[in-house]
Every structure is written in structure tokens, then in C-alpha cells.
N, C-alpha and C. Protein backbone atom coordinates (compact mmCIF):
# COMPACT_ATOMS: atom_id res chain seq x y z
N MET A 1 71.46 90.81 -4.88
CA MET A 1 72.42 90.49 -5.91
C MET A 1 71.87 89.36 -6.74
N ALA A 2 72.02 89.45 -8.00
CA ALA A 2 71.65 88.35 -8.87
C ALA A 2 72.93 87.65 -9.31
N VAL A 3 72.95 86.35 -9.21
CA VAL A 3 74.10 85.56 -9.61
C VAL A 3 73.68 84.69 -10.78
N ASP A 4 74.39 84.81 -11.89
CA ASP A 4 74.08 84.01 -13.07
C ASP A 4 75.08 82.86 -13.14
N ILE A 5 74.59 81.64 -13.02
CA ILE A 5 75.44 80.46 -13.00
C ILE A 5 75.24 79.70 -14.31
N PRO A 6 76.31 79.52 -15.09
CA PRO A 6 76.17 78.80 -16.36
C PRO A 6 75.56 77.41 -16.15
N LEU A 7 74.69 77.02 -17.06
CA LEU A 7 73.99 75.73 -17.07
C LEU A 7 73.05 75.54 -15.88
N HIS A 8 72.91 76.56 -15.05
CA HIS A 8 72.01 76.47 -13.90
C HIS A 8 70.96 77.56 -13.94
N GLY A 9 71.35 78.75 -14.35
CA GLY A 9 70.42 79.88 -14.38
C GLY A 9 70.78 80.91 -13.33
N SER A 10 69.86 81.83 -13.12
CA SER A 10 70.09 82.92 -12.17
C SER A 10 69.52 82.58 -10.80
N GLU A 11 70.18 83.08 -9.78
CA GLU A 11 69.70 82.94 -8.41
C GLU A 11 69.88 84.28 -7.72
N LEU A 12 69.02 84.54 -6.77
CA LEU A 12 69.10 85.77 -6.01
C LEU A 12 69.74 85.52 -4.65
N LEU A 13 70.59 86.42 -4.26
CA LEU A 13 71.23 86.38 -2.95
C LEU A 13 70.83 87.69 -2.28
N SER A 14 70.06 87.59 -1.22
CA SER A 14 69.52 88.75 -0.55
C SER A 14 70.34 89.08 0.70
N LEU A 15 70.64 90.35 0.89
CA LEU A 15 71.38 90.80 2.07
C LEU A 15 70.44 91.66 2.90
N TYR A 16 70.08 91.18 4.09
CA TYR A 16 69.24 91.95 5.00
C TYR A 16 70.15 92.74 5.94
N TRP A 17 70.11 94.06 5.85
CA TRP A 17 70.98 94.91 6.65
C TRP A 17 70.19 95.84 7.56
N GLY A 18 68.89 95.62 7.70
CA GLY A 18 68.03 96.50 8.47
C GLY A 18 68.38 96.58 9.95
N ASP A 19 68.99 95.55 10.52
CA ASP A 19 69.32 95.53 11.94
C ASP A 19 70.84 95.44 12.14
N VAL A 20 71.59 95.99 11.20
CA VAL A 20 73.04 95.82 11.20
C VAL A 20 73.71 96.44 12.42
N GLU A 21 73.11 97.48 13.01
CA GLU A 21 73.71 98.12 14.18
C GLU A 21 73.72 97.21 15.41
N ARG A 22 72.72 96.35 15.53
CA ARG A 22 72.61 95.51 16.72
C ARG A 22 73.03 94.06 16.49
N SER A 23 72.48 93.43 15.47
CA SER A 23 72.72 91.99 15.33
C SER A 23 73.46 91.60 14.06
N GLY A 24 73.87 92.56 13.25
CA GLY A 24 74.62 92.25 12.04
C GLY A 24 73.71 92.02 10.84
N ALA A 25 74.33 91.87 9.70
CA ALA A 25 73.61 91.63 8.45
C ALA A 25 73.48 90.13 8.23
N LYS A 26 72.53 89.74 7.39
CA LYS A 26 72.31 88.33 7.13
C LYS A 26 72.12 88.10 5.63
N LEU A 27 72.78 87.07 5.12
CA LEU A 27 72.52 86.63 3.75
C LEU A 27 71.32 85.70 3.80
N LYS A 28 70.38 85.89 2.89
CA LYS A 28 69.17 85.07 2.88
C LYS A 28 68.93 84.51 1.48
N GLY A 29 68.07 83.51 1.42
CA GLY A 29 67.67 82.91 0.16
C GLY A 29 68.27 81.53 -0.04
N ASN A 30 67.76 80.82 -1.04
CA ASN A 30 68.23 79.47 -1.32
C ASN A 30 69.71 79.43 -1.67
N PHE A 31 70.19 80.42 -2.42
CA PHE A 31 71.59 80.43 -2.80
C PHE A 31 72.48 80.61 -1.57
N ALA A 32 72.09 81.51 -0.66
CA ALA A 32 72.84 81.70 0.58
C ALA A 32 72.86 80.42 1.41
N ARG A 33 71.73 79.75 1.48
CA ARG A 33 71.66 78.49 2.24
C ARG A 33 72.60 77.44 1.65
N ARG A 34 72.65 77.34 0.32
CA ARG A 34 73.56 76.38 -0.31
C ARG A 34 75.02 76.73 -0.06
N ILE A 35 75.34 78.02 -0.09
CA ILE A 35 76.72 78.44 0.18
C ILE A 35 77.11 78.07 1.60
N TYR A 36 76.27 78.41 2.58
CA TYR A 36 76.56 78.08 3.98
C TYR A 36 76.70 76.57 4.18
N THR A 37 75.80 75.79 3.58
CA THR A 37 75.84 74.33 3.72
C THR A 37 77.13 73.77 3.12
N SER A 38 77.51 74.26 1.96
CA SER A 38 78.75 73.79 1.32
C SER A 38 79.96 74.11 2.17
N LEU A 39 80.01 75.31 2.74
CA LEU A 39 81.15 75.69 3.56
C LEU A 39 81.22 74.86 4.84
N ARG A 40 80.08 74.57 5.43
CA ARG A 40 80.08 73.76 6.65
C ARG A 40 80.51 72.32 6.38
N ASN A 41 80.14 71.80 5.21
CA ASN A 41 80.38 70.39 4.91
C ASN A 41 81.73 70.11 4.25
N HIS A 42 82.38 71.11 3.73
CA HIS A 42 83.65 70.91 3.04
C HIS A 42 84.79 71.22 4.00
N GLN A 43 85.58 70.23 4.34
CA GLN A 43 86.63 70.35 5.36
C GLN A 43 87.60 71.50 5.09
N ASP A 44 87.98 71.68 3.83
CA ASP A 44 88.97 72.71 3.51
C ASP A 44 88.40 74.12 3.48
N SER A 45 87.08 74.26 3.57
CA SER A 45 86.47 75.58 3.46
C SER A 45 85.85 76.08 4.76
N LYS A 46 86.01 75.35 5.85
CA LYS A 46 85.38 75.78 7.11
C LYS A 46 85.86 77.15 7.57
N ASP A 47 87.13 77.48 7.32
CA ASP A 47 87.62 78.81 7.69
C ASP A 47 86.88 79.90 6.93
N ASN A 48 86.43 79.59 5.74
CA ASN A 48 85.76 80.59 4.93
C ASN A 48 84.35 80.92 5.42
N LEU A 49 83.79 80.11 6.31
CA LEU A 49 82.47 80.41 6.87
C LEU A 49 82.53 81.72 7.66
N SER A 50 83.58 81.92 8.47
CA SER A 50 83.70 83.18 9.21
C SER A 50 83.96 84.34 8.25
N HIS A 51 84.69 84.08 7.15
CA HIS A 51 84.92 85.12 6.15
C HIS A 51 83.61 85.53 5.49
N LEU A 52 82.75 84.56 5.21
CA LEU A 52 81.45 84.86 4.59
C LEU A 52 80.60 85.71 5.53
N LYS A 53 80.62 85.41 6.81
CA LYS A 53 79.86 86.22 7.78
C LYS A 53 80.44 87.62 7.87
N SER A 54 81.77 87.76 7.86
CA SER A 54 82.40 89.09 7.89
C SER A 54 82.07 89.87 6.62
N PHE A 55 82.03 89.17 5.49
CA PHE A 55 81.64 89.80 4.22
C PHE A 55 80.23 90.36 4.31
N ALA A 56 79.27 89.54 4.77
CA ALA A 56 77.87 89.97 4.86
C ALA A 56 77.73 91.13 5.83
N ASN A 57 78.33 91.02 7.01
CA ASN A 57 78.23 92.10 7.99
C ASN A 57 78.88 93.37 7.49
N GLY A 58 80.07 93.26 6.90
CA GLY A 58 80.77 94.44 6.40
C GLY A 58 80.02 95.12 5.27
N LEU A 59 79.48 94.35 4.35
CA LEU A 59 78.72 94.94 3.25
C LEU A 59 77.46 95.61 3.78
N GLY A 60 76.79 94.99 4.74
CA GLY A 60 75.62 95.61 5.37
C GLY A 60 75.98 96.91 6.07
N GLU A 61 77.12 96.92 6.75
CA GLU A 61 77.56 98.12 7.45
C GLU A 61 77.92 99.24 6.47
N ILE A 62 78.50 98.89 5.34
CA ILE A 62 78.85 99.89 4.34
C ILE A 62 77.58 100.48 3.71
N ILE A 63 76.57 99.65 3.47
CA ILE A 63 75.29 100.16 2.96
C ILE A 63 74.66 101.09 3.99
N TYR A 64 74.70 100.67 5.26
CA TYR A 64 74.19 101.51 6.35
C TYR A 64 74.93 102.85 6.36
N LEU A 65 76.26 102.83 6.25
CA LEU A 65 77.04 104.06 6.24
C LEU A 65 76.65 104.96 5.07
N SER A 66 76.45 104.38 3.91
CA SER A 66 76.06 105.15 2.74
C SER A 66 74.75 105.89 3.00
N GLU A 67 73.80 105.21 3.60
CA GLU A 67 72.52 105.84 3.93
C GLU A 67 72.70 106.91 5.02
N SER A 68 73.48 106.60 6.03
CA SER A 68 73.70 107.51 7.15
C SER A 68 74.42 108.78 6.71
N LEU A 69 75.44 108.63 5.87
CA LEU A 69 76.22 109.78 5.44
C LEU A 69 75.44 110.72 4.54
N SER A 70 74.37 110.23 3.92
CA SER A 70 73.56 111.08 3.06
C SER A 70 72.64 112.00 3.88
N GLN A 71 72.54 111.76 5.19
CA GLN A 71 71.70 112.59 6.05
C GLN A 71 72.49 113.82 6.52
N VAL A 72 71.84 114.94 6.50
CA VAL A 72 72.48 116.19 6.91
C VAL A 72 72.87 116.11 8.38
N GLY A 73 74.10 116.51 8.69
CA GLY A 73 74.56 116.54 10.08
C GLY A 73 74.99 115.19 10.63
N SER A 74 75.19 114.22 9.77
CA SER A 74 75.61 112.89 10.22
C SER A 74 76.98 112.97 10.87
N LYS A 75 77.12 112.34 12.04
CA LYS A 75 78.40 112.30 12.74
C LYS A 75 78.90 110.86 12.82
N THR A 76 78.60 110.08 11.79
CA THR A 76 78.95 108.66 11.75
C THR A 76 80.44 108.44 11.56
N CYS A 77 81.10 109.31 10.79
CA CYS A 77 82.51 109.10 10.45
C CYS A 77 83.37 110.25 10.93
N SER A 78 84.62 109.92 11.22
CA SER A 78 85.63 110.92 11.57
C SER A 78 86.76 110.82 10.56
N LYS A 79 87.91 111.34 10.91
CA LYS A 79 89.03 111.41 9.98
C LYS A 79 89.51 110.05 9.48
N SER A 80 89.46 109.00 10.32
CA SER A 80 89.98 107.70 9.89
C SER A 80 89.09 106.52 10.23
N LYS A 81 87.91 106.77 10.81
CA LYS A 81 87.02 105.65 11.13
C LYS A 81 85.57 106.08 11.08
N CYS A 82 84.72 105.07 10.90
CA CYS A 82 83.28 105.25 10.92
C CYS A 82 82.72 104.28 11.96
N ARG A 83 81.65 104.66 12.62
CA ARG A 83 81.06 103.81 13.65
C ARG A 83 79.67 103.36 13.21
N VAL A 84 79.47 102.03 13.30
CA VAL A 84 78.16 101.43 13.05
C VAL A 84 77.82 100.62 14.30
N GLY A 85 76.84 101.09 15.07
CA GLY A 85 76.55 100.44 16.34
C GLY A 85 77.76 100.57 17.25
N THR A 86 78.29 99.44 17.72
CA THR A 86 79.47 99.45 18.58
C THR A 86 80.76 99.14 17.82
N ARG A 87 80.66 98.95 16.51
CA ARG A 87 81.82 98.53 15.70
C ARG A 87 82.40 99.72 14.95
N ASP A 88 83.74 99.78 14.94
CA ASP A 88 84.46 100.79 14.16
C ASP A 88 84.94 100.18 12.86
N LEU A 89 84.77 100.92 11.78
CA LEU A 89 85.33 100.55 10.48
C LEU A 89 86.41 101.59 10.18
N LEU A 90 87.63 101.12 9.97
CA LEU A 90 88.73 102.02 9.66
C LEU A 90 88.77 102.26 8.16
N TRP A 91 89.02 103.49 7.75
CA TRP A 91 89.08 103.78 6.33
C TRP A 91 90.32 104.62 6.00
N SER A 92 90.77 104.45 4.75
CA SER A 92 91.90 105.23 4.25
C SER A 92 91.82 105.28 2.73
N ILE A 93 92.47 106.26 2.16
CA ILE A 93 92.54 106.40 0.70
C ILE A 93 94.01 106.41 0.31
N ARG A 94 94.38 105.51 -0.61
CA ARG A 94 95.75 105.42 -1.11
C ARG A 94 95.72 104.98 -2.57
N ASN A 95 96.49 105.65 -3.40
CA ASN A 95 96.66 105.24 -4.80
C ASN A 95 95.34 104.94 -5.50
N GLU A 96 94.40 105.88 -5.40
CA GLU A 96 93.09 105.75 -6.05
C GLU A 96 92.29 104.55 -5.56
N HIS A 97 92.51 104.14 -4.32
CA HIS A 97 91.74 103.08 -3.67
C HIS A 97 91.17 103.63 -2.37
N LEU A 98 89.91 103.31 -2.10
CA LEU A 98 89.31 103.58 -0.80
C LEU A 98 89.27 102.24 -0.08
N PHE A 99 89.99 102.14 1.04
CA PHE A 99 90.03 100.92 1.83
C PHE A 99 89.16 101.09 3.06
N ILE A 100 88.29 100.13 3.30
CA ILE A 100 87.53 100.07 4.55
C ILE A 100 87.86 98.72 5.17
N ASP A 101 88.40 98.76 6.38
CA ASP A 101 88.80 97.54 7.09
C ASP A 101 87.86 97.29 8.25
N ARG A 102 87.37 96.06 8.32
CA ARG A 102 86.42 95.66 9.37
C ARG A 102 86.98 94.46 10.12
N ALA A 103 87.20 94.62 11.43
CA ALA A 103 87.67 93.51 12.26
C ALA A 103 86.47 92.73 12.78
N ASN A 104 86.54 91.39 12.72
CA ASN A 104 85.47 90.58 13.30
C ASN A 104 85.76 90.37 14.79
N ASP A 105 84.93 89.58 15.45
CA ASP A 105 85.07 89.38 16.90
C ASP A 105 86.38 88.69 17.28
N GLN A 106 86.99 87.94 16.35
CA GLN A 106 88.26 87.27 16.61
C GLN A 106 89.46 88.15 16.26
N GLY A 107 89.21 89.37 15.75
CA GLY A 107 90.29 90.28 15.39
C GLY A 107 90.79 90.14 13.97
N ASN A 108 90.21 89.23 13.19
CA ASN A 108 90.59 89.09 11.78
C ASN A 108 89.97 90.23 10.98
N ILE A 109 90.74 90.77 10.04
CA ILE A 109 90.29 91.95 9.31
C ILE A 109 89.85 91.57 7.90
N MET A 110 88.64 92.03 7.54
CA MET A 110 88.11 91.90 6.19
C MET A 110 88.29 93.26 5.52
N ARG A 111 88.96 93.27 4.37
CA ARG A 111 89.20 94.52 3.66
C ARG A 111 88.19 94.67 2.52
N PHE A 112 87.61 95.86 2.43
CA PHE A 112 86.74 96.25 1.33
C PHE A 112 87.52 97.30 0.54
N ASP A 113 87.96 96.93 -0.66
CA ASP A 113 88.86 97.74 -1.48
C ASP A 113 88.08 98.28 -2.68
N PHE A 114 87.66 99.56 -2.57
CA PHE A 114 86.96 100.22 -3.67
C PHE A 114 88.01 100.82 -4.58
N SER A 115 88.01 100.42 -5.85
CA SER A 115 89.05 100.89 -6.76
C SER A 115 88.44 101.43 -8.05
N SER A 116 89.31 101.95 -8.89
CA SER A 116 88.90 102.62 -10.12
C SER A 116 87.88 103.71 -9.79
N LEU A 117 88.26 104.56 -8.83
CA LEU A 117 87.37 105.62 -8.36
C LEU A 117 87.16 106.67 -9.44
N THR A 118 85.91 107.07 -9.63
CA THR A 118 85.55 108.15 -10.55
C THR A 118 84.65 109.12 -9.80
N SER A 119 84.25 110.18 -10.43
CA SER A 119 83.34 111.14 -9.79
C SER A 119 81.98 110.51 -9.52
N ASN A 120 81.65 109.44 -10.24
CA ASN A 120 80.38 108.74 -10.01
C ASN A 120 80.50 107.61 -9.00
N GLY A 121 81.69 107.41 -8.46
CA GLY A 121 81.91 106.33 -7.49
C GLY A 121 82.90 105.31 -8.03
N PRO A 122 83.06 104.22 -7.29
CA PRO A 122 84.01 103.19 -7.73
C PRO A 122 83.45 102.34 -8.85
N LYS A 123 84.33 101.71 -9.60
CA LYS A 123 83.90 100.77 -10.63
C LYS A 123 84.09 99.32 -10.18
N ARG A 124 84.85 99.14 -9.09
CA ARG A 124 85.15 97.78 -8.64
C ARG A 124 85.26 97.74 -7.12
N LEU A 125 84.82 96.63 -6.54
CA LEU A 125 84.96 96.39 -5.11
C LEU A 125 85.53 94.99 -4.93
N SER A 126 86.72 94.92 -4.32
CA SER A 126 87.34 93.64 -3.99
C SER A 126 87.24 93.46 -2.48
N ILE A 127 86.79 92.29 -2.05
CA ILE A 127 86.60 92.02 -0.63
C ILE A 127 87.39 90.77 -0.29
N TYR A 128 88.30 90.92 0.69
CA TYR A 128 89.17 89.79 1.04
C TYR A 128 89.70 89.99 2.47
N PRO A 129 89.99 88.90 3.16
CA PRO A 129 90.62 89.04 4.48
C PRO A 129 92.09 89.41 4.30
N LEU A 130 92.60 90.25 5.19
CA LEU A 130 94.01 90.66 5.08
C LEU A 130 94.95 89.50 5.31
N ASP A 131 94.51 88.48 6.04
CA ASP A 131 95.36 87.31 6.26
C ASP A 131 95.14 86.24 5.20
N ASN A 132 94.56 86.63 4.05
CA ASN A 132 94.22 85.69 2.99
C ASN A 132 95.44 84.89 2.55
N LYS A 133 95.29 83.57 2.54
CA LYS A 133 96.34 82.71 2.00
C LYS A 133 96.17 82.70 0.48
N GLN A 134 97.19 82.92 -0.23
CA GLN A 134 97.09 82.90 -1.69
C GLN A 134 97.06 81.46 -2.18
N SER A 135 95.94 80.81 -1.99
CA SER A 135 95.79 79.43 -2.43
C SER A 135 94.44 79.28 -3.10
N LYS A 136 94.19 78.10 -3.61
CA LYS A 136 92.93 77.86 -4.30
C LYS A 136 91.74 77.92 -3.36
N ASP A 137 91.96 77.79 -2.05
CA ASP A 137 90.87 77.82 -1.09
C ASP A 137 90.67 79.18 -0.44
N SER A 138 91.37 80.22 -0.92
CA SER A 138 91.27 81.53 -0.28
C SER A 138 89.92 82.18 -0.61
N PHE A 139 89.53 83.11 0.24
CA PHE A 139 88.26 83.80 0.12
C PHE A 139 88.47 85.15 -0.55
N LYS A 140 87.72 85.42 -1.61
CA LYS A 140 87.77 86.73 -2.26
C LYS A 140 86.49 86.91 -3.07
N VAL A 141 85.92 88.10 -2.94
CA VAL A 141 84.73 88.45 -3.71
C VAL A 141 85.07 89.68 -4.54
N GLU A 142 84.73 89.64 -5.81
CA GLU A 142 84.95 90.77 -6.72
C GLU A 142 83.58 91.23 -7.23
N LEU A 143 83.28 92.51 -7.04
CA LEU A 143 82.04 93.08 -7.54
C LEU A 143 82.39 94.22 -8.49
N PHE A 144 81.74 94.24 -9.64
CA PHE A 144 81.97 95.29 -10.62
C PHE A 144 80.69 96.09 -10.76
N PHE A 145 80.82 97.42 -10.72
CA PHE A 145 79.65 98.30 -10.76
C PHE A 145 79.50 98.88 -12.17
N ASN A 146 78.26 98.97 -12.57
CA ASN A 146 77.94 99.72 -13.77
C ASN A 146 76.61 100.41 -13.51
N ARG A 147 76.17 101.20 -14.43
CA ARG A 147 74.91 101.93 -14.23
C ARG A 147 73.74 100.98 -14.46
N CYS A 148 72.90 100.88 -13.49
CA CYS A 148 71.67 100.09 -13.65
C CYS A 148 70.64 100.96 -14.34
N GLU A 149 69.95 100.38 -15.29
CA GLU A 149 68.91 101.15 -16.01
C GLU A 149 67.59 100.43 -15.93
């Protein structure tokens, strides 16, 4: 992912998902290191450190699923869940949204909400914990998709 920060420039945030089945996904790079350091050092944001890890693992698992489902005869998903390693991701479709819910080791659920679905895929992905407090310190990531050329 490339992040463009006004008055600072662009930074890359790399997601390594190659070992997601066993040890989870990892955010890498200088930008990831700064995010982790800020979350550890800011008293009001320490809860968001676990959200950031759930975000990275969930996004890695979804990329893994995308690759797995493209293989003929894949048995990764069933009617309401998909399995990545030992973890189940629950999925549902409601009101033109594809929801994928991922529980972390503490039982907190991170929701991946794919919306504005078209035949080419979603146009938006909102990622947030279901127990999100609607405050200025809440965790939420919004990704917008367009065609890369």
C-alpha cells in the first residue's frame, strides 16, 4: 500500500502474508514501525495495537482466501465460513455488503465490510472492530478500490 501524507510525501506499507496460515500476517516497513511505536507510546491508543494486528492478519487471510479460491477444487470455504490454517472467518452478504468477520485470540471481532459491490468486485472496504467505540480514538480503516493501470 502506498500512503500519501501531505507535507511529508509517500510511504510504503508492506503486508507480508506468505505465512498467514501458521504465524499470521505482518506489516513491515518504516511506516509500519512508526505506527506501532506511536500506538505503544500513546496511552489512549494502546487498545488499537491489537486492532492493528487483527487488521493485518485479517487482510492477509483475505488475500490468502482470494488466491486459494481461484484454484480449481478449492474447499477453503463453506456456506457461512472460510478456513485459513486453524482460524475460521465467518462471512455473510446483506444489503449489497459482503461481511467477513475475524475473531482474534481474545474473541474480539474485526469486521471487513466490502461494499458498493459490482460485477468487477467491491469499490470500498471498511475495516473496524464490532465493539468499536464511536469516539475520536476508535479504530477504522477505509480502503477505496479503483482500476490500477
